[in-house]
Amino acid sequence: MREARSWVETTADDAHVRRERAKARALRQSAWWKAQLAKGRCHYCGGSFPPAELTMDHLVPVARGGRSERGNVVPCCRACNASKGCLTPAEQILDSLGL
């Protein structure tokens, strides 16, 4: 995983992370998630990918207090997931601007 930027503070609660990872595993088995993957689109770059090449990404990362629920997870390609790291959407914009 990409190293956290120096201006990003991550103070993950281990219990929260364990709980949300378990919820994510269950969510990956749901019909809703399988339908998201079947669309074959990366949320970030818009590229088309086979479902097996898409990963689950938390918009607000679990390490930053995010939850594993429908409103906070999106399918994305591995490259976008790796480049996002533990950033929130707003921080991604700032990072892309070099701020």
PDB file of N, CA and C in Angstrom:
ATOM      1  N   MET A   1       0.838  -1.181   0.000  1.00  0.00           N
ATOM      2  CA  MET A   1       0.000   0.000   0.000  1.00  0.00           C
ATOM      3  C   MET A   1       0.877   1.236   0.000  1.00  0.00           C
ATOM      4  N   ARG A   2       0.425   2.276  -0.673  1.00  0.00           N
ATOM      5  CA  ARG A   2       1.160   3.522  -0.774  1.00  0.00           C
ATOM      6  C   ARG A   2       1.321   4.162   0.597  1.00  0.00           C
ATOM      7  N   GLU A   3       2.473   4.749   0.821  1.00  0.00           N
ATOM      8  CA  GLU A   3       2.735   5.392   2.102  1.00  0.00           C
ATOM      9  C   GLU A   3       1.820   6.595   2.282  1.00  0.00           C
ATOM     10  N   ALA A   4       1.376   6.839   3.503  1.00  0.00           N
ATOM     11  CA  ALA A   4       0.521   7.993   3.793  1.00  0.00           C
ATOM     12  C   ALA A   4       1.299   9.280   3.582  1.00  0.00           C
ATOM     13  N   ARG A   5       0.600  10.277   3.059  1.00  0.00           N
ATOM     14  CA  ARG A   5       1.227  11.574   2.888  1.00  0.00           C
ATOM     15  C   ARG A   5       1.485  12.168   4.271  1.00  0.00           C
ATOM     16  N   SER A   6       2.499  13.004   4.387  1.00  0.00           N
ATOM     17  CA  SER A   6       2.868  13.549   5.699  1.00  0.00           C
ATOM     18  C   SER A   6       1.754  14.393   6.303  1.00  0.00           C
ATOM     19  N   TRP A   7       0.879  14.951   5.477  1.00  0.00           N
ATOM     20  CA  TRP A   7      -0.177  15.812   5.984  1.00  0.00           C
ATOM     21  C   TRP A   7      -1.466  15.046   6.297  1.00  0.00           C
ATOM     22  N   VAL A   8      -1.457  13.735   6.127  1.00  0.00           N
ATOM     23  CA  VAL A   8      -2.627  12.907   6.410  1.00  0.00           C
ATOM     24  C   VAL A   8      -2.438  12.224   7.755  1.00  0.00           C
ATOM     25  N   GLU A   9      -3.366  12.470   8.643  1.00  0.00           N
ATOM     26  CA  GLU A   9      -3.293  11.844   9.961  1.00  0.00           C
ATOM     27  C   GLU A   9      -4.177  10.607   9.990  1.00  0.00           C
ATOM     28  N   THR A  10      -3.577   9.478  10.322  1.00  0.00           N
ATOM     29  CA  THR A  10      -4.349   8.240  10.472  1.00  0.00           C
ATOM     30  C   THR A  10      -4.157   7.732  11.888  1.00  0.00           C
ATOM     31  N   THR A  11      -5.248   7.693  12.586  1.00  0.00           N
ATOM     32  CA  THR A  11      -5.243   7.153  13.943  1.00  0.00           C
ATOM     33  C   THR A  11      -6.325   6.092  14.019  1.00  0.00           C
ATOM     34  N   ALA A  12      -6.059   4.993  13.341  1.00  0.00           N
ATOM     35  CA  ALA A  12      -7.050   3.929  13.242  1.00  0.00           C
ATOM     36  C   ALA A  12      -7.216   3.195  14.568  1.00  0.00           C
ATOM     37  N   ASP A  13      -8.468   3.007  14.933  1.00  0.00           N
ATOM     38  CA  ASP A  13      -8.820   2.204  16.095  1.00  0.00           C
ATOM     39  C   ASP A  13      -8.857   0.749  15.628  1.00  0.00           C
ATOM     40  N   ASP A  14      -7.993  -0.085  16.194  1.00  0.00           N
ATOM     41  CA  ASP A  14      -7.886  -1.476  15.752  1.00  0.00           C
ATOM     42  C   ASP A  14      -9.218  -2.218  15.789  1.00  0.00           C
ATOM     43  N   ALA A  15     -10.021  -1.980  16.815  1.00  0.00           N
ATOM     44  CA  ALA A  15     -11.323  -2.657  16.921  1.00  0.00           C
ATOM     45  C   ALA A  15     -12.240  -2.220  15.785  1.00  0.00           C
ATOM     46  N   HIS A  16     -12.225  -0.930  15.476  1.00  0.00           N
ATOM     47  CA  HIS A  16     -13.045  -0.404  14.373  1.00  0.00           C
ATOM     48  C   HIS A  16     -12.612  -1.036  13.049  1.00  0.00           C
ATOM     49  N   VAL A  17     -11.308  -1.082  12.810  1.00  0.00           N
ATOM     50  CA  VAL A  17     -10.792  -1.647  11.565  1.00  0.00           C
ATOM     51  C   VAL A  17     -11.191  -3.112  11.432  1.00  0.00           C
ATOM     52  N   ARG A  18     -11.028  -3.899  12.478  1.00  0.00           N
ATOM     53  CA  ARG A  18     -11.418  -5.319  12.435  1.00  0.00           C
ATOM     54  C   ARG A  18     -12.909  -5.470  12.142  1.00  0.00           C
ATOM     55  N   ARG A  19     -13.728  -4.691  12.843  1.00  0.00           N
ATOM     56  CA  ARG A  19     -15.185  -4.764  12.665  1.00  0.00           C
ATOM     57  C   ARG A  19     -15.581  -4.402  11.229  1.00  0.00           C
ATOM     58  N   GLU A  20     -15.011  -3.333  10.703  1.00  0.00           N
ATOM     59  CA  GLU A  20     -15.382  -2.881   9.361  1.00  0.00           C
ATOM     60  C   GLU A  20     -14.849  -3.809   8.270  1.00  0.00           C
ATOM     61  N   ARG A  21     -13.690  -4.408   8.488  1.00  0.00           N
ATOM     62  CA  ARG A  21     -13.184  -5.379   7.513  1.00  0.00           C
ATOM     63  C   ARG A  21     -14.085  -6.601   7.459  1.00  0.00           C
ATOM     64  N   ALA A  22     -14.612  -7.025   8.605  1.00  0.00           N
ATOM     65  CA  ALA A  22     -15.553  -8.151   8.626  1.00  0.00           C
ATOM     66  C   ALA A  22     -16.836  -7.780   7.886  1.00  0.00           C
ATOM     67  N   LYS A  23     -17.308  -6.552   8.087  1.00  0.00           N
ATOM     68  CA  LYS A  23     -18.504  -6.092   7.368  1.00  0.00           C
ATOM     69  C   LYS A  23     -18.242  -6.037   5.865  1.00  0.00           C
ATOM     70  N   ALA A  24     -17.038  -5.613   5.474  1.00  0.00           N
ATOM     71  CA  ALA A  24     -16.692  -5.543   4.054  1.00  0.00           C
ATOM     72  C   ALA A  24     -16.695  -6.933   3.425  1.00  0.00           C
ATOM     73  N   ARG A  25     -16.166  -7.917   4.149  1.00  0.00           N
ATOM     74  CA  ARG A  25     -16.180  -9.295   3.629  1.00  0.00           C
ATOM     75  C   ARG A  25     -17.617  -9.752   3.379  1.00  0.00           C
ATOM     76  N   ALA A  26     -18.512  -9.439   4.302  1.00  0.00           N
ATOM     77  CA  ALA A  26     -19.917  -9.820   4.128  1.00  0.00           C
ATOM     78  C   ALA A  26     -20.551  -9.049   2.973  1.00  0.00           C
ATOM     79  N   LEU A  27     -20.239  -7.779   2.856  1.00  0.00           N
ATOM     80  CA  LEU A  27     -20.800  -6.943   1.792  1.00  0.00           C
ATOM     81  C   LEU A  27     -20.359  -7.434   0.411  1.00  0.00           C
ATOM     82  N   ARG A  28     -19.134  -7.937   0.310  1.00  0.00           N
ATOM     83  CA  ARG A  28     -18.633  -8.453  -0.967  1.00  0.00           C
ATOM     84  C   ARG A  28     -19.448  -9.648  -1.467  1.00  0.00           C
ATOM     85  N   GLN A  29     -20.120 -10.336  -0.570  1.00  0.00           N
ATOM     86  CA  GLN A  29     -20.942 -11.491  -0.941  1.00  0.00           C
ATOM     87  C   GLN A  29     -22.365 -11.103  -1.318  1.00  0.00           C
ATOM     88  N   SER A  30     -22.736  -9.851  -1.123  1.00  0.00           N
ATOM     89  CA  SER A  30     -24.121  -9.419  -1.358  1.00  0.00           C
ATOM     90  C   SER A  30     -24.428  -9.269  -2.854  1.00  0.00           C
ATOM     91  N   ALA A  31     -25.686  -9.441  -3.180  1.00  0.00           N
ATOM     92  CA  ALA A  31     -26.142  -9.255  -4.561  1.00  0.00           C
ATOM     93  C   ALA A  31     -25.894  -7.818  -5.016  1.00  0.00           C
ATOM     94  N   TRP A  32     -26.066  -6.868  -4.112  1.00  0.00           N
ATOM     95  CA  TRP A  32     -25.830  -5.459  -4.449  1.00  0.00           C
ATOM     96  C   TRP A  32     -24.393  -5.249  -4.915  1.00  0.00           C
ATOM     97  N   TRP A  33     -23.402  -5.764  -4.178  1.00  0.00           N
ATOM     98  CA  TRP A  33     -22.005  -5.571  -4.553  1.00  0.00           C
ATOM     99  C   TRP A  33     -21.692  -6.285  -5.866  1.00  0.00           C
ATOM    100  N   LYS A  34     -22.221  -7.489  -6.025  1.00  0.00           N
ATOM    101  CA  LYS A  34     -21.984  -8.229  -7.264  1.00  0.00           C
ATOM    102  C   LYS A  34     -22.556  -7.481  -8.462  1.00  0.00           C
ATOM    103  N   ALA A  35     -23.690  -6.784  -8.275  1.00  0.00           N
ATOM    104  CA  ALA A  35     -24.262  -5.966  -9.349  1.00  0.00           C
ATOM    105  C   ALA A  35     -23.359  -4.768  -9.654  1.00  0.00           C
ATOM    106  N   GLN A  36     -22.735  -4.187  -8.627  1.00  0.00           N
ATOM    107  CA  GLN A  36     -21.808  -3.067  -8.840  1.00  0.00           C
ATOM    108  C   GLN A  36     -20.607  -3.531  -9.667  1.00  0.00           C
ATOM    109  N   LEU A  37     -20.075  -4.696  -9.325  1.00  0.00           N
ATOM    110  CA  LEU A  37     -18.937  -5.233 -10.070  1.00  0.00           C
ATOM    111  C   LEU A  37     -19.314  -5.572 -11.505  1.00  0.00           C
ATOM    112  N   ALA A  38     -20.535  -6.082 -11.701  1.00  0.00           N
ATOM    113  CA  ALA A  38     -20.975  -6.498 -13.029  1.00  0.00           C
ATOM    114  C   ALA A  38     -21.016  -5.322 -13.999  1.00  0.00           C
ATOM    115  N   LYS A  39     -21.163  -4.108 -13.486  1.00  0.00           N
ATOM    116  CA  LYS A  39     -21.149  -2.918 -14.353  1.00  0.00           C
ATOM    117  C   LYS A  39     -19.780  -2.712 -14.981  1.00  0.00           C
ATOM    118  N   GLY A  40     -18.734  -3.202 -14.299  1.00  0.00           N
ATOM    119  CA  GLY A  40     -17.393  -3.171 -14.864  1.00  0.00           C
ATOM    120  C   GLY A  40     -16.741  -1.808 -14.968  1.00  0.00           C
ATOM    121  N   ARG A  41     -17.155  -0.853 -14.152  1.00  0.00           N
ATOM    122  CA  ARG A  41     -16.612   0.507 -14.212  1.00  0.00           C
ATOM    123  C   ARG A  41     -15.871   0.881 -12.939  1.00  0.00           C
ATOM    124  N   CYS A  42     -14.698   1.488 -13.125  1.00  0.00           N
ATOM    125  CA  CYS A  42     -13.956   2.032 -11.996  1.00  0.00           C
ATOM    126  C   CYS A  42     -14.582   3.366 -11.617  1.00  0.00           C
ATOM    127  N   HIS A  43     -14.862   3.555 -10.355  1.00  0.00           N
ATOM    128  CA  HIS A  43     -15.481   4.787  -9.861  1.00  0.00           C
ATOM    129  C   HIS A  43     -14.612   6.014 -10.128  1.00  0.00           C
ATOM    130  N   TYR A  44     -13.300   5.838 -10.086  1.00  0.00           N
ATOM    131  CA  TYR A  44     -12.392   6.974 -10.188  1.00  0.00           C
ATOM    132  C   TYR A  44     -11.992   7.322 -11.616  1.00  0.00           C
ATOM    133  N   CYS A  45     -11.504   6.351 -12.380  1.00  0.00           N
ATOM    134  CA  CYS A  45     -11.021   6.665 -13.733  1.00  0.00           C
ATOM    135  C   CYS A  45     -12.071   6.420 -14.813  1.00  0.00           C
ATOM    136  N   GLY A  46     -13.145   5.709 -14.464  1.00  0.00           N
ATOM    137  CA  GLY A  46     -14.200   5.434 -15.435  1.00  0.00           C
ATOM    138  C   GLY A  46     -13.867   4.329 -16.416  1.00  0.00           C
ATOM    139  N   GLY A  47     -12.714   3.687 -16.228  1.00  0.00           N
ATOM    140  CA  GLY A  47     -12.305   2.619 -17.134  1.00  0.00           C
ATOM    141  C   GLY A  47     -13.172   1.385 -17.021  1.00  0.00           C
ATOM    142  N   SER A  48     -13.189   0.592 -18.080  1.00  0.00           N
ATOM    143  CA  SER A  48     -13.931  -0.670 -18.099  1.00  0.00           C
ATOM    144  C   SER A  48     -12.996  -1.813 -17.731  1.00  0.00           C
ATOM    145  N   PHE A  49     -13.464  -2.664 -16.826  1.00  0.00           N
ATOM    146  CA  PHE A  49     -12.654  -3.781 -16.337  1.00  0.00           C
ATOM    147  C   PHE A  49     -13.543  -4.991 -16.115  1.00  0.00           C
ATOM    148  N   PRO A  50     -12.984  -6.196 -16.262  1.00  0.00           N
ATOM    149  CA  PRO A  50     -13.737  -7.390 -15.861  1.00  0.00           C
ATOM    150  C   PRO A  50     -13.973  -7.315 -14.350  1.00  0.00           C
ATOM    151  N   PRO A  51     -15.088  -7.828 -13.875  1.00  0.00           N
ATOM    152  CA  PRO A  51     -15.386  -7.766 -12.441  1.00  0.00           C
ATOM    153  C   PRO A  51     -14.257  -8.261 -11.541  1.00  0.00           C
ATOM    154  N   ALA A  52     -13.535  -9.283 -11.974  1.00  0.00           N
ATOM    155  CA  ALA A  52     -12.455  -9.837 -11.148  1.00  0.00           C
ATOM    156  C   ALA A  52     -11.289  -8.855 -10.972  1.00  0.00           C
ATOM    157  N   GLU A  53     -11.217  -7.845 -11.822  1.00  0.00           N
ATOM    158  CA  GLU A  53     -10.123  -6.875 -11.733  1.00  0.00           C
ATOM    159  C   GLU A  53     -10.503  -5.627 -10.943  1.00  0.00           C
ATOM    160  N   LEU A  54     -11.728  -5.582 -10.430  1.00  0.00           N
ATOM    161  CA  LEU A  54     -12.163  -4.435  -9.629  1.00  0.00           C
ATOM    162  C   LEU A  54     -12.064  -4.769  -8.147  1.00  0.00           C
ATOM    163  N   THR A  55     -11.722  -3.775  -7.359  1.00  0.00           N
ATOM    164  CA  THR A  55     -11.607  -3.949  -5.915  1.00  0.00           C
ATOM    165  C   THR A  55     -12.649  -3.081  -5.219  1.00  0.00           C
ATOM    166  N   MET A  56     -12.861  -3.348  -3.951  1.00  0.00           N
ATOM    167  CA  MET A  56     -13.765  -2.531  -3.141  1.00  0.00           C
ATOM    168  C   MET A  56     -12.943  -1.416  -2.508  1.00  0.00           C
ATOM    169  N   ASP A  57     -13.353  -0.186  -2.726  1.00  0.00           N
ATOM    170  CA  ASP A  57     -12.670   0.946  -2.102  1.00  0.00           C
ATOM    171  C   ASP A  57     -13.640   1.692  -1.210  1.00  0.00           C
ATOM    172  N   HIS A  58     -13.161   2.085  -0.043  1.00  0.00           N
ATOM    173  CA  HIS A  58     -13.952   2.899   0.883  1.00  0.00           C
ATOM    174  C   HIS A  58     -13.671   4.367   0.567  1.00  0.00           C
ATOM    175  N   LEU A  59     -14.705   5.134   0.238  1.00  0.00           N
ATOM    176  CA  LEU A  59     -14.516   6.558  -0.043  1.00  0.00           C
ATOM    177  C   LEU A  59     -13.847   7.240   1.139  1.00  0.00           C
ATOM    178  N   VAL A  60     -14.419   7.059   2.316  1.00  0.00           N
ATOM    179  CA  VAL A  60     -13.751   7.482   3.550  1.00  0.00           C
ATOM    180  C   VAL A  60     -13.084   6.222   4.079  1.00  0.00           C
ATOM    181  N   PRO A  61     -11.759   6.171   4.034  1.00  0.00           N
ATOM    182  CA  PRO A  61     -11.051   4.946   4.406  1.00  0.00           C
ATOM    183  C   PRO A  61     -11.375   4.470   5.824  1.00  0.00           C
ATOM    184  N   VAL A  62     -11.388   3.160   5.987  1.00  0.00           N
ATOM    185  CA  VAL A  62     -11.643   2.561   7.296  1.00  0.00           C
ATOM    186  C   VAL A  62     -10.630   3.089   8.315  1.00  0.00           C
ATOM    187  N   ALA A  63      -9.393   3.245   7.890  1.00  0.00           N
ATOM    188  CA  ALA A  63      -8.349   3.747   8.790  1.00  0.00           C
ATOM    189  C   ALA A  63      -8.604   5.184   9.238  1.00  0.00           C
ATOM    190  N   ARG A  64      -9.535   5.856   8.554  1.00  0.00           N
ATOM    191  CA  ARG A  64      -9.871   7.237   8.893  1.00  0.00           C
ATOM    192  C   ARG A  64     -11.262   7.335   9.500  1.00  0.00           C
ATOM    193  N   GLY A  65     -11.834   6.183   9.889  1.00  0.00           N
ATOM    194  CA  GLY A  65     -13.142   6.167  10.528  1.00  0.00           C
ATOM    195  C   GLY A  65     -14.290   5.785   9.619  1.00  0.00           C
ATOM    196  N   GLY A  66     -13.991   5.477   8.346  1.00  0.00           N
ATOM    197  CA  GLY A  66     -15.035   5.108   7.389  1.00  0.00           C
ATOM    198  C   GLY A  66     -15.679   3.778   7.729  1.00  0.00           C
ATOM    199  N   ARG A  67     -16.834   3.567   7.168  1.00  0.00           N
ATOM    200  CA  ARG A  67     -17.605   2.353   7.446  1.00  0.00           C
ATOM    201  C   ARG A  67     -17.775   1.528   6.178  1.00  0.00           C
ATOM    202  N   SER A  68     -17.981   0.253   6.356  1.00  0.00           N
ATOM    203  CA  SER A  68     -18.219  -0.670   5.244  1.00  0.00           C
ATOM    204  C   SER A  68     -19.718  -0.771   5.019  1.00  0.00           C
ATOM    205  N   GLU A  69     -20.249   0.207   4.309  1.00  0.00           N
ATOM    206  CA  GLU A  69     -21.675   0.237   3.985  1.00  0.00           C
ATOM    207  C   GLU A  69     -21.853   0.787   2.579  1.00  0.00           C
ATOM    208  N   ARG A  70     -23.001   0.558   2.014  1.00  0.00           N
ATOM    209  CA  ARG A  70     -23.255   0.898   0.614  1.00  0.00           C
ATOM    210  C   ARG A  70     -22.872   2.331   0.234  1.00  0.00           C
ATOM    211  N   GLY A  71     -23.142   3.285   1.061  1.00  0.00           N
ATOM    212  CA  GLY A  71     -22.853   4.676   0.726  1.00  0.00           C
ATOM    213  C   GLY A  71     -21.386   5.046   0.791  1.00  0.00           C
ATOM    214  N   ASN A  72     -20.544   4.131   1.256  1.00  0.00           N
ATOM    215  CA  ASN A  72     -19.129   4.454   1.418  1.00  0.00           C
ATOM    216  C   ASN A  72     -18.198   3.542   0.634  1.00  0.00           C
ATOM    217  N   VAL A  73     -18.726   2.600  -0.127  1.00  0.00           N
ATOM    218  CA  VAL A  73     -17.855   1.716  -0.907  1.00  0.00           C
ATOM    219  C   VAL A  73     -18.185   1.827  -2.388  1.00  0.00           C
ATOM    220  N   VAL A  74     -17.140   1.763  -3.199  1.00  0.00           N
ATOM    221  CA  VAL A  74     -17.275   1.842  -4.653  1.00  0.00           C
ATOM    222  C   VAL A  74     -16.322   0.847  -5.289  1.00  0.00           C
ATOM    223  N   PRO A  75     -16.667   0.363  -6.488  1.00  0.00           N
ATOM    224  CA  PRO A  75     -15.719  -0.493  -7.205  1.00  0.00           C
ATOM    225  C   PRO A  75     -14.661   0.379  -7.877  1.00  0.00           C
ATOM    226  N   CYS A  76     -13.426  -0.074  -7.833  1.00  0.00           N
ATOM    227  CA  CYS A  76     -12.377   0.666  -8.534  1.00  0.00           C
ATOM    228  C   CYS A  76     -11.277  -0.286  -8.976  1.00  0.00           C
ATOM    229  N   CYS A  77     -10.528   0.155  -9.978  1.00  0.00           N
ATOM    230  CA  CYS A  77      -9.425  -0.665 -10.473  1.00  0.00           C
ATOM    231  C   CYS A  77      -8.287  -0.645  -9.449  1.00  0.00           C
ATOM    232  N   ARG A  78      -7.420  -1.598  -9.563  1.00  0.00           N
ATOM    233  CA  ARG A  78      -6.315  -1.718  -8.604  1.00  0.00           C
ATOM    234  C   ARG A  78      -5.400  -0.497  -8.628  1.00  0.00           C
ATOM    235  N   ALA A  79      -5.152   0.054  -9.811  1.00  0.00           N
ATOM    236  CA  ALA A  79      -4.266   1.218  -9.910  1.00  0.00           C
ATOM    237  C   ALA A  79      -4.855   2.420  -9.182  1.00  0.00           C
ATOM    238  N   CYS A  80      -6.141   2.676  -9.361  1.00  0.00           N
ATOM    239  CA  CYS A  80      -6.786   3.805  -8.676  1.00  0.00           C
ATOM    240  C   CYS A  80      -6.833   3.570  -7.169  1.00  0.00           C
ATOM    241  N   ASN A  81      -7.107   2.335  -6.757  1.00  0.00           N
ATOM    242  CA  ASN A  81      -7.164   2.024  -5.337  1.00  0.00           C
ATOM    243  C   ASN A  81      -5.802   2.255  -4.699  1.00  0.00           C
ATOM    244  N   ALA A  82      -4.745   1.837  -5.366  1.00  0.00           N
ATOM    245  CA  ALA A  82      -3.399   2.004  -4.823  1.00  0.00           C
ATOM    246  C   ALA A  82      -3.009   3.483  -4.771  1.00  0.00           C
ATOM    247  N   SER A  83      -3.384   4.248  -5.780  1.00  0.00           N
ATOM    248  CA  SER A  83      -2.991   5.663  -5.792  1.00  0.00           C
ATOM    249  C   SER A  83      -3.793   6.483  -4.788  1.00  0.00           C
ATOM    250  N   LYS A  84      -5.006   6.052  -4.474  1.00  0.00           N
ATOM    251  CA  LYS A  84      -5.832   6.770  -3.510  1.00  0.00           C
ATOM    252  C   LYS A  84      -5.283   6.631  -2.100  1.00  0.00           C
ATOM    253  N   GLY A  85      -4.806   5.425  -1.780  1.00  0.00           N
ATOM    254  CA  GLY A  85      -4.267   5.210  -0.439  1.00  0.00           C
ATOM    255  C   GLY A  85      -5.312   5.479   0.629  1.00  0.00           C
ATOM    256  N   CYS A  86      -4.952   6.243   1.626  1.00  0.00           N
ATOM    257  CA  CYS A  86      -5.873   6.515   2.736  1.00  0.00           C
ATOM    258  C   CYS A  86      -6.441   7.931   2.668  1.00  0.00           C
ATOM    259  N   LEU A  87      -6.547   8.463   1.454  1.00  0.00           N
ATOM    260  CA  LEU A  87      -7.087   9.815   1.287  1.00  0.00           C
ATOM    261  C   LEU A  87      -8.604   9.804   1.172  1.00  0.00           C
ATOM    262  N   THR A  88      -9.222  10.885   1.612  1.00  0.00           N
ATOM    263  CA  THR A  88     -10.646  11.103   1.377  1.00  0.00           C
ATOM    264  C   THR A  88     -10.782  11.724  -0.017  1.00  0.00           C
ATOM    265  N   PRO A  89     -11.995  11.785  -0.575  1.00  0.00           N
ATOM    266  CA  PRO A  89     -12.150  12.402  -1.894  1.00  0.00           C
ATOM    267  C   PRO A  89     -11.623  13.841  -1.964  1.00  0.00           C
ATOM    268  N   ALA A  90     -11.875  14.642  -0.952  1.00  0.00           N
ATOM    269  CA  ALA A  90     -11.386  16.024  -0.960  1.00  0.00           C
ATOM    270  C   ALA A  90      -9.861  16.062  -0.928  1.00  0.00           C
ATOM    271  N   GLU A  91      -9.266  15.173  -0.157  1.00  0.00           N
ATOM    272  CA  GLU A  91      -7.809  15.124  -0.078  1.00  0.00           C
ATOM    273  C   GLU A  91      -7.194  14.646  -1.385  1.00  0.00           C
ATOM    274  N   GLN A  92      -7.910  13.788  -2.113  1.00  0.00           N
ATOM    275  CA  GLN A  92      -7.435  13.346  -3.421  1.00  0.00           C
ATOM    276  C   GLN A  92      -7.298  14.537  -4.359  1.00  0.00           C
ATOM    277  N   ILE A  93      -8.272  15.427  -4.316  1.00  0.00           N
ATOM    278  CA  ILE A  93      -8.236  16.619  -5.168  1.00  0.00           C
ATOM    279  C   ILE A  93      -7.041  17.483  -4.785  1.00  0.00           C
ATOM    280  N   LEU A  94      -6.857  17.729  -3.501  1.00  0.00           N
ATOM    281  CA  LEU A  94      -5.720  18.532  -3.041  1.00  0.00           C
ATOM    282  C   LEU A  94      -4.399  17.872  -3.447  1.00  0.00           C
ATOM    283  N   ASP A  95      -4.318  16.562  -3.300  1.00  0.00           N
ATOM    284  CA  ASP A  95      -3.093  15.839  -3.637  1.00  0.00           C
ATOM    285  C   ASP A  95      -2.796  15.951  -5.129  1.00  0.00           C
ATOM    286  N   SER A  96      -3.839  15.849  -5.955  1.00  0.00           N
ATOM    287  CA  SER A  96      -3.627  15.928  -7.411  1.00  0.00           C
ATOM    288  C   SER A  96      -3.179  17.334  -7.826  1.00  0.00           C
ATOM    289  N   LEU A  97      -3.522  18.331  -7.042  1.00  0.00           N
ATOM    290  CA  LEU A  97      -3.104  19.704  -7.329  1.00  0.00           C
ATOM    291  C   LEU A  97      -1.729  20.025  -6.745  1.00  0.00           C
ATOM    292  N   GLY A  98      -1.201  19.069  -6.002  1.00  0.00           N
ATOM    293  CA  GLY A  98       0.104  19.268  -5.382  1.00  0.00           C
ATOM    294  C   GLY A  98       0.060  20.180  -4.169  1.00  0.00           C
ATOM    295  N   LEU A  99      -1.115  20.306  -3.563  1.00  0.00           N
ATOM    296  CA  LEU A  99      -1.252  21.188  -2.389  1.00  0.00           C
ATOM    297  C   LEU A  99      -1.031  20.449  -1.093  1.00  0.00           C
TER     298      LEU A  99
END
